[in-house]
Amino acid sequence: MVSIASDGRGPGCDQEPEFTRARSFAAWGETLPRAARKLAGRRLKGDPVFPMLSSVLALKSNDLAIDLGTANTVVWERRKGIVLNEPSVVAVNTAGGRRVVQAVGAQAKRMLGRTPSYIEAIRPMRDGVIANFEVAEEMLRAFIARIRRCAAFVPPRVVVGVPSGATPLERQAISESCLGAGARQVQVMDEAMAAAIGAGVPMDDPTGSMVVDVGGGTTEVAVLSMADVVYSKSVRIGGDKMDAAIVSHMRKAHNLVVGEGTAERIKIEAGAARPTGGEGASIEVRCLDVRQRLPRQVRLTERELAEVLAELVGQIVETVTLALEESPPELTSDIADKGVILTGGGALLRGLDREIEEQINLPVTVADDPLACVAMGCGKLLEQQSWWRDLL
């Protein structure tokens, strides 16, 4: 089991709250006075026996909504909004035969490709689901401990966005990780539905809406109506595949070796979904020449990178087109009037909205805050008690 290097205490705390390591609400109940243990001995997941206690706990806890993404983890807190947006990276120190968490988030990401042999920078999420259960749990524990108030006595309820294509086993792994990190209740929610709510799509109207959520590991395409998903498709194409395509292109076309971090920087600064009239934006990159075994500088243009990413962008467009073909005609007509909403970090790729719009001949709009849409949508679920009860 991975252990965390720091003591996990929030600012001003005298000791670590015991419930941060509780795997269930019953375990947390052992930290309560004897008179309250019988009430706390049952997890309140849809349990109608103690509705008053459930209401009191809901008022006292700092409930959290989490977008546990492949590239970034975004956390929304009740009454505060977005309180954390950190890379989903954990640095683990293996010196002395023990595995201890050295750093989490932005600090750990800066270590990617730059660590000694006894420190390993790990990304516990792959393709939108957990690839390393223990490290993911410690990452969540560190994030929750960082943002929760020391005075908060009650563990939080947590809603987590997951890809619609996640298996029941993968959904259970995410729930168990959140419980192990100190959550009182955990509920998973399809990322497409959460992104739609976070982008401001009206849920109660009997009209169709389409949301395309391009994340680090997956692209979610969903058609929604009457607060439900009519059609959804999840493909494992996202920012990670784009970074990998850039790494491969650099080696084949320029005989240069670049790491994941450099590839991501290239994509952000000069990446594009479609070629521009001229060369467009450009970036100078200095990296190792595999033939000369010496550093060499190369200039990459927006036009060149658009050609590198063309195949992946084409697969995203194909998924959107398939969703339109599979949707009922009445909903397709609604989507034609309202357009398509683009969310997720991939929505920030230059020209992606215009490329999809041109290919499907429908208006495409990028959400106001595409990176935070899933977390905000999960947060709105927590604020609407009726929605929460329906989901349970």
Protein backbone atom coordinates (compact mmCIF):
# COMPACT_ATOMS: atom_id res chain seq x y z
CA MET A 1 0.00 0.00 0.00
CA VAL A 2 1.32 3.42 -0.89
CA SER A 3 1.67 5.78 2.06
CA ILE A 4 1.64 9.54 1.88
CA ALA A 5 4.74 11.46 2.87
CA SER A 6 3.03 14.37 4.61
CA ASP A 7 0.74 13.98 7.61
CA GLY A 8 -2.33 15.08 5.58
CA ARG A 9 -3.28 17.79 8.09
CA GLY A 10 -4.99 20.95 6.98
CA PRO A 11 -3.80 24.39 8.06
CA GLY A 12 -4.38 24.99 11.76
CA CYS A 13 -5.19 21.36 12.58
CA ASP A 14 -3.66 19.73 15.64
CA GLN A 15 -4.07 16.18 14.39
CA GLU A 16 -5.12 14.28 11.31
CA PRO A 17 -8.88 13.53 11.23
CA GLU A 18 -9.31 9.78 11.60
CA PHE A 19 -12.08 9.60 9.03
CA THR A 20 -9.74 10.56 6.18
CA ARG A 21 -8.69 6.91 6.10
CA ALA A 22 -12.18 5.49 6.66
CA ARG A 23 -13.36 3.20 3.86
CA SER A 24 -17.01 3.55 4.84
CA PHE A 25 -19.36 5.71 6.85
CA ALA A 26 -19.48 2.97 9.49
CA ALA A 27 -15.73 3.20 10.03
CA TRP A 28 -16.01 6.96 10.41
CA GLY A 29 -18.69 6.34 13.06
CA GLU A 30 -16.03 4.93 15.38
CA THR A 31 -14.68 8.48 15.74
CA LEU A 32 -18.02 9.73 17.13
CA PRO A 33 -19.20 9.75 20.75
CA ARG A 34 -20.76 6.50 21.91
CA ALA A 35 -24.32 7.91 21.77
CA ALA A 36 -23.97 8.73 18.06
CA ARG A 37 -22.32 5.51 16.91
CA LYS A 38 -25.55 3.61 16.32
CA LEU A 39 -26.77 6.35 14.00
CA ALA A 40 -23.43 6.56 12.21
CA GLY A 41 -23.10 2.82 11.78
CA ARG A 42 -25.03 2.81 8.54
CA ARG A 43 -24.01 4.40 5.27
CA LEU A 44 -26.68 6.87 4.19
CA LYS A 45 -26.64 5.92 0.50
CA GLY A 46 -30.36 6.11 -0.22
CA ASP A 47 -31.21 4.88 3.31
CA PRO A 48 -34.59 6.41 4.36
CA VAL A 49 -34.34 5.29 8.02
CA PHE A 50 -32.57 8.41 9.24
CA PRO A 51 -33.65 11.22 6.90
CA MET A 52 -33.17 13.87 9.61
CA LEU A 53 -29.58 12.81 10.26
CA SER A 54 -28.95 12.77 6.50
CA SER A 55 -30.26 16.33 6.19
CA VAL A 56 -28.13 17.57 9.09
CA LEU A 57 -25.01 15.96 7.68
CA ALA A 58 -25.71 17.46 4.26
CA LEU A 59 -25.86 20.94 5.82
CA LYS A 60 -22.64 20.50 7.81
CA SER A 61 -20.42 18.75 5.25
CA ASN A 62 -18.37 20.49 2.59
CA ASP A 63 -19.62 18.33 -0.29
CA LEU A 64 -17.34 17.91 -3.29
CA ALA A 65 -17.78 17.35 -7.02
CA ILE A 66 -14.76 15.85 -8.76
CA ASP A 67 -13.82 15.61 -12.40
CA LEU A 68 -11.22 12.86 -12.07
CA GLY A 69 -9.64 13.40 -15.46
CA THR A 70 -6.77 11.69 -17.20
CA ALA A 71 -4.83 14.95 -17.52
CA ASN A 72 -6.27 17.13 -14.74
CA THR A 73 -8.39 16.73 -11.63
CA VAL A 74 -10.89 19.54 -11.06
CA VAL A 75 -12.70 19.84 -7.71
CA TRP A 76 -15.82 21.88 -6.99
CA GLU A 77 -16.74 22.59 -3.36
CA ARG A 78 -20.18 23.43 -2.07
CA ARG A 79 -20.67 27.16 -1.46
CA LYS A 80 -17.26 27.94 -2.99
CA GLY A 81 -17.24 26.73 -6.58
CA ILE A 82 -14.05 25.49 -8.28
CA VAL A 83 -11.35 25.25 -5.60
CA LEU A 84 -8.75 23.00 -7.23
CA ASN A 85 -7.46 22.32 -10.74
CA GLU A 86 -4.30 20.20 -10.65
CA PRO A 87 -2.60 17.70 -12.98
CA SER A 88 -3.47 14.07 -12.23
CA VAL A 89 0.13 13.13 -11.45
CA VAL A 90 1.73 11.59 -8.34
CA ALA A 91 5.47 11.37 -7.61
CA VAL A 92 6.33 8.25 -5.56
CA ASN A 93 9.63 7.84 -3.68
CA THR A 94 10.77 4.20 -3.55
CA ALA A 95 14.02 4.75 -1.62
CA GLY A 96 14.61 2.32 1.26
CA GLY A 97 12.17 -0.25 -0.09
CA ARG A 98 9.09 1.82 0.85
CA ARG A 99 6.70 3.54 -1.54
CA VAL A 100 5.99 7.03 -0.21
CA VAL A 101 4.14 9.81 -2.03
CA GLN A 102 6.62 12.62 -2.61
CA ALA A 103 4.40 15.15 -4.40
CA VAL A 104 0.95 15.44 -5.95
CA GLY A 105 -0.46 17.64 -8.70
CA ALA A 106 1.49 20.46 -10.36
CA GLN A 107 4.62 19.80 -8.31
CA ALA A 108 4.61 16.13 -9.36
CA LYS A 109 4.00 17.01 -13.02
CA ARG A 110 7.13 19.16 -13.07
CA MET A 111 9.04 15.99 -12.14
CA LEU A 112 7.92 14.02 -15.23
CA GLY A 113 11.09 12.90 -17.03
CA ARG A 114 13.30 14.76 -14.55
CA THR A 115 13.50 12.45 -11.54
CA PRO A 116 16.27 10.18 -10.18
CA SER A 117 15.76 6.43 -10.39
CA TYR A 118 14.17 6.13 -6.93
CA ILE A 119 11.42 8.69 -7.67
CA GLU A 120 8.71 7.70 -10.13
CA ALA A 121 6.19 10.18 -11.54
CA ILE A 122 2.95 8.24 -12.06
CA ARG A 123 -0.28 9.17 -13.85
CA PRO A 124 -2.86 6.97 -12.08
CA MET A 125 -5.59 7.73 -14.65
CA ARG A 126 -5.59 6.35 -18.18
CA ASP A 127 -8.36 6.77 -20.74
CA GLY A 128 -10.59 8.39 -18.12
CA VAL A 129 -10.47 5.46 -15.66
CA ILE A 130 -8.16 4.35 -12.86
CA ALA A 131 -5.05 2.51 -13.99
CA ASN A 132 -3.33 2.47 -10.57
CA PHE A 133 -5.85 2.07 -7.74
CA GLU A 134 -3.55 2.73 -4.76
CA VAL A 135 -1.87 5.80 -6.23
CA ALA A 136 -5.24 7.23 -7.34
CA GLU A 137 -6.56 6.86 -3.80
CA GLU A 138 -3.57 8.66 -2.33
CA MET A 139 -3.91 11.42 -4.92
CA LEU A 140 -7.56 11.92 -4.01
CA ARG A 141 -6.71 11.83 -0.30
CA ALA A 142 -4.09 14.56 -0.78
CA PHE A 143 -6.43 16.76 -2.85
CA ILE A 144 -9.32 16.38 -0.39
CA ALA A 145 -7.06 17.08 2.60
CA ARG A 146 -5.72 20.18 0.83
CA ILE A 147 -9.10 21.81 0.30
CA ARG A 148 -11.30 20.65 3.18
CA ARG A 149 -11.69 22.90 6.19
CA CYS A 150 -10.11 21.70 9.42
CA ALA A 151 -13.28 22.63 11.26
CA ALA A 152 -15.42 20.44 9.04
CA PHE A 153 -16.41 17.51 11.28
CA VAL A 154 -18.53 15.64 8.76
CA PRO A 155 -16.91 13.79 5.82
CA PRO A 156 -18.14 15.04 2.44
CA ARG A 157 -20.49 13.55 -0.07
CA VAL A 158 -18.75 13.23 -3.42
CA VAL A 159 -20.02 13.08 -6.99
CA VAL A 160 -17.48 11.96 -9.61
CA GLY A 161 -17.74 12.23 -13.38
CA VAL A 162 -16.85 9.04 -15.29
CA PRO A 163 -16.82 8.20 -19.01
CA SER A 164 -20.06 6.71 -20.27
CA GLY A 165 -18.07 3.76 -21.60
CA ALA A 166 -16.60 2.89 -18.19
CA THR A 167 -17.38 -0.66 -17.06
CA PRO A 168 -19.16 -1.39 -13.75
CA LEU A 169 -15.83 -2.59 -12.35
CA GLU A 170 -14.12 0.68 -13.33
CA ARG A 171 -16.96 2.70 -11.78
CA GLN A 172 -16.66 0.65 -8.59
CA ALA A 173 -12.91 1.28 -8.49
CA ILE A 174 -13.49 5.04 -8.66
CA SER A 175 -16.12 4.85 -5.89
CA GLU A 176 -13.83 2.78 -3.65
CA SER A 177 -10.97 5.20 -4.19
CA CYS A 178 -13.13 8.13 -3.07
CA LEU A 179 -14.38 6.23 -0.02
CA GLY A 180 -10.81 5.32 0.85
CA ALA A 181 -9.87 8.99 0.55
CA GLY A 182 -12.44 9.96 3.20
CA ALA A 183 -15.79 10.44 1.44
CA ARG A 184 -19.03 9.73 3.31
CA GLN A 185 -21.06 8.96 0.19
CA VAL A 186 -19.96 8.52 -3.41
CA GLN A 187 -22.03 8.69 -6.57
CA VAL A 188 -20.71 8.45 -10.12
CA MET A 189 -22.21 10.42 -12.99
CA ASP A 190 -21.69 10.19 -16.74
CA GLU A 191 -19.27 12.89 -17.85
CA ALA A 192 -21.41 13.86 -20.83
CA MET A 193 -24.45 14.56 -18.64
CA ALA A 194 -22.29 16.46 -16.13
CA ALA A 195 -20.66 18.50 -18.89
CA ALA A 196 -24.08 19.41 -20.32
CA ILE A 197 -25.34 20.59 -16.93
CA GLY A 198 -22.13 22.52 -16.30
CA ALA A 199 -22.37 24.18 -19.72
CA GLY A 200 -25.86 25.44 -18.91
CA VAL A 201 -27.91 23.09 -21.09
CA PRO A 202 -31.55 23.11 -19.82
CA MET A 203 -32.26 19.64 -18.47
CA ASP A 204 -36.04 19.69 -18.12
CA ASP A 205 -36.93 20.80 -21.64
CA PRO A 206 -38.27 18.12 -24.03
CA THR A 207 -35.79 19.20 -26.69
CA GLY A 208 -32.59 17.58 -27.90
CA SER A 209 -29.10 18.87 -27.12
CA MET A 210 -25.70 17.54 -28.12
CA VAL A 211 -22.55 17.83 -26.02
CA VAL A 212 -19.05 16.83 -27.15
CA ASP A 213 -16.62 16.56 -24.23
CA VAL A 214 -13.01 16.20 -25.41
CA GLY A 215 -10.86 15.21 -22.43
CA GLY A 216 -7.35 13.96 -21.89
CA GLY A 217 -8.20 10.28 -22.32
CA THR A 218 -11.64 10.09 -23.94
CA THR A 219 -14.07 12.01 -26.10
CA GLU A 220 -17.68 11.80 -24.96
CA VAL A 221 -20.50 12.54 -27.41
CA ALA A 222 -24.02 12.57 -26.02
CA VAL A 223 -27.51 13.54 -27.10
CA LEU A 224 -29.69 14.58 -24.18
CA SER A 225 -33.36 15.32 -23.62
CA MET A 226 -35.59 15.57 -20.55
CA ALA A 227 -32.67 15.26 -18.09
CA ASP A 228 -31.57 11.95 -19.56
CA VAL A 229 -29.10 10.60 -22.10
CA VAL A 230 -30.81 9.44 -25.29
CA TYR A 231 -27.59 8.44 -27.05
CA SER A 232 -23.97 8.41 -25.93
CA LYS A 233 -20.69 7.29 -27.41
CA SER A 234 -17.29 7.26 -25.72
CA VAL A 235 -14.12 6.87 -27.78
CA ARG A 236 -10.64 6.70 -26.30
CA ILE A 237 -9.30 9.67 -28.20
CA GLY A 238 -8.21 12.83 -26.44
CA GLY A 239 -5.30 15.01 -25.43
CA ASP A 240 -3.05 12.04 -24.58
CA LYS A 241 -3.40 10.52 -28.06
CA MET A 242 -2.63 13.92 -29.58
CA ASP A 243 0.52 14.22 -27.46
CA ALA A 244 1.57 10.71 -28.52
CA ALA A 245 1.02 11.62 -32.19
CA ILE A 246 3.31 14.65 -31.79
CA VAL A 247 6.00 12.51 -30.11
CA SER A 248 5.83 10.00 -32.98
CA HIS A 249 5.94 12.74 -35.62
CA MET A 250 8.98 14.40 -34.05
CA ARG A 251 10.90 11.15 -34.18
CA LYS A 252 9.87 10.14 -37.71
CA ALA A 253 10.00 13.52 -39.44
CA HIS A 254 12.76 15.31 -37.51
CA ASN A 255 14.74 12.49 -35.82
CA LEU A 256 14.16 14.23 -32.49
CA VAL A 257 13.14 12.76 -29.13
CA VAL A 258 10.63 14.69 -27.01
CA GLY A 259 8.84 13.74 -23.79
CA GLU A 260 5.15 13.93 -22.87
CA GLY A 261 5.53 17.33 -21.23
CA THR A 262 7.21 18.88 -24.27
CA ALA A 263 4.63 17.35 -26.62
CA GLU A 264 1.83 18.82 -24.53
CA ARG A 265 3.48 22.26 -24.61
CA ILE A 266 3.81 22.02 -28.40
CA LYS A 267 0.12 21.13 -28.70
CA ILE A 268 -0.99 24.00 -26.46
CA GLU A 269 1.17 26.69 -28.05
CA ALA A 270 0.97 25.74 -31.72
CA GLY A 271 -1.40 22.79 -32.12
CA ALA A 272 -4.42 23.10 -34.40
CA ALA A 273 -7.29 20.99 -35.70
CA ARG A 274 -7.20 22.45 -39.22
CA PRO A 275 -4.55 24.16 -41.35
CA THR A 276 -4.68 27.94 -41.60
CA GLY A 277 -4.12 30.08 -44.68
CA GLY A 278 -0.49 30.68 -43.77
CA GLU A 279 1.84 28.95 -41.34
CA GLY A 280 -0.08 30.29 -38.34
CA ALA A 281 1.39 30.08 -34.86
CA SER A 282 4.82 28.50 -34.39
CA ILE A 283 7.07 27.24 -31.61
CA GLU A 284 10.83 26.69 -31.29
CA VAL A 285 11.74 23.38 -29.64
CA ARG A 286 15.22 22.24 -28.60
CA CYS A 287 15.57 18.50 -28.09
CA LEU A 288 17.88 15.54 -28.69
CA ASP A 289 18.77 14.48 -32.23
CA VAL A 290 18.80 10.65 -32.26
CA ARG A 291 21.40 10.48 -35.05
CA GLN A 292 23.87 13.12 -33.93
CA ARG A 293 23.16 12.47 -30.23
CA LEU A 294 23.31 16.21 -29.65
CA PRO A 295 20.63 18.84 -28.88
CA ARG A 296 19.12 20.50 -31.95
CA GLN A 297 16.50 23.21 -32.36
CA VAL A 298 13.54 22.91 -34.72
CA ARG A 299 10.64 25.23 -35.55
CA LEU A 300 7.17 23.72 -35.71
CA THR A 301 4.26 25.53 -37.34
CA GLU A 302 0.53 25.37 -36.82
CA ARG A 303 0.05 24.03 -40.35
CA GLU A 304 2.47 21.12 -39.76
CA LEU A 305 0.84 20.19 -36.45
CA ALA A 306 -2.64 20.34 -37.99
CA GLU A 307 -1.54 17.65 -40.44
CA VAL A 308 -0.16 15.57 -37.54
CA LEU A 309 -3.47 15.74 -35.64
CA ALA A 310 -5.74 15.43 -38.70
CA GLU A 311 -6.44 11.70 -38.26
CA LEU A 312 -7.44 12.03 -34.59
CA VAL A 313 -9.60 15.08 -35.29
CA GLY A 314 -11.24 13.12 -38.12
CA GLN A 315 -12.15 10.33 -35.69
CA ILE A 316 -13.77 12.86 -33.34
CA VAL A 317 -15.79 14.30 -36.24
CA GLU A 318 -16.79 10.78 -37.29
CA THR A 319 -18.08 10.05 -33.77
CA VAL A 320 -20.17 13.24 -33.81
CA THR A 321 -21.57 12.35 -37.24
CA LEU A 322 -22.50 8.86 -36.04
CA ALA A 323 -24.33 10.35 -33.05
CA LEU A 324 -26.40 12.54 -35.37
CA GLU A 325 -27.26 9.53 -37.56
CA GLU A 326 -28.27 7.37 -34.58
CA SER A 327 -30.43 10.03 -32.88
CA PRO A 328 -34.22 10.24 -33.39
CA PRO A 329 -35.16 12.68 -36.20
CA GLU A 330 -37.01 15.05 -33.84
CA LEU A 331 -33.94 15.43 -31.61
CA THR A 332 -31.67 15.87 -34.64
CA SER A 333 -33.90 18.73 -35.74
CA ASP A 334 -33.55 20.35 -32.30
CA ILE A 335 -29.78 19.99 -32.44
CA ALA A 336 -29.75 21.62 -35.89
CA ASP A 337 -31.52 24.65 -34.37
CA LYS A 338 -29.50 24.87 -31.15
CA GLY A 339 -26.12 23.62 -32.35
CA VAL A 340 -23.47 21.50 -30.66
CA ILE A 341 -21.71 22.43 -27.40
CA LEU A 342 -18.00 21.66 -27.10
CA THR A 343 -16.48 21.12 -23.63
CA GLY A 344 -13.33 19.66 -22.07
CA GLY A 345 -9.70 20.67 -22.38
CA GLY A 346 -9.61 19.49 -26.00
CA ALA A 347 -12.17 22.18 -26.87
CA LEU A 348 -9.31 24.69 -26.55
CA LEU A 349 -7.45 23.17 -29.52
CA ARG A 350 -7.29 25.85 -32.19
CA GLY A 351 -9.94 25.45 -34.87
CA LEU A 352 -11.57 22.29 -33.48
CA ASP A 353 -14.98 23.95 -33.25
CA ARG A 354 -14.70 25.32 -36.80
CA GLU A 355 -13.56 21.95 -38.17
CA ILE A 356 -16.50 20.08 -36.61
CA GLU A 357 -18.89 22.82 -37.72
CA GLU A 358 -17.70 22.62 -41.32
CA GLN A 359 -17.87 18.82 -41.45
CA ILE A 360 -21.36 18.40 -39.95
CA ASN A 361 -22.81 21.67 -41.29
CA LEU A 362 -24.19 22.66 -37.88
CA PRO A 363 -23.21 25.50 -35.52
CA VAL A 364 -20.67 24.52 -32.83
CA THR A 365 -20.12 26.57 -29.67
CA VAL A 366 -17.32 26.25 -27.12
CA ALA A 367 -18.57 26.42 -23.49
CA ASP A 368 -17.57 29.45 -21.42
CA ASP A 369 -15.31 27.42 -19.13
CA PRO A 370 -14.80 24.09 -20.94
CA LEU A 371 -12.22 22.74 -18.47
CA ALA A 372 -14.57 23.05 -15.49
CA CYS A 373 -17.88 21.96 -17.06
CA VAL A 374 -17.86 18.37 -15.70
CA ALA A 375 -16.99 19.43 -12.14
CA MET A 376 -19.60 22.23 -12.18
CA GLY A 377 -22.23 19.85 -13.53
CA CYS A 378 -21.54 17.34 -10.75
CA GLY A 379 -21.69 20.25 -8.28
CA LYS A 380 -25.14 21.28 -9.47
CA LEU A 381 -26.29 17.72 -8.79
CA LEU A 382 -25.16 18.13 -5.18
CA GLU A 383 -27.02 21.44 -4.89
CA GLN A 384 -30.27 19.95 -6.22
CA GLN A 385 -31.40 17.53 -3.51
CA SER A 386 -34.21 16.18 -5.72
CA TRP A 387 -31.68 15.27 -8.44
CA TRP A 388 -29.49 13.56 -5.85
CA ARG A 389 -32.39 11.46 -4.56
CA ASP A 390 -33.38 10.48 -8.11
CA LEU A 391 -29.81 9.41 -8.91
CA LEU A 392 -29.61 7.31 -5.76
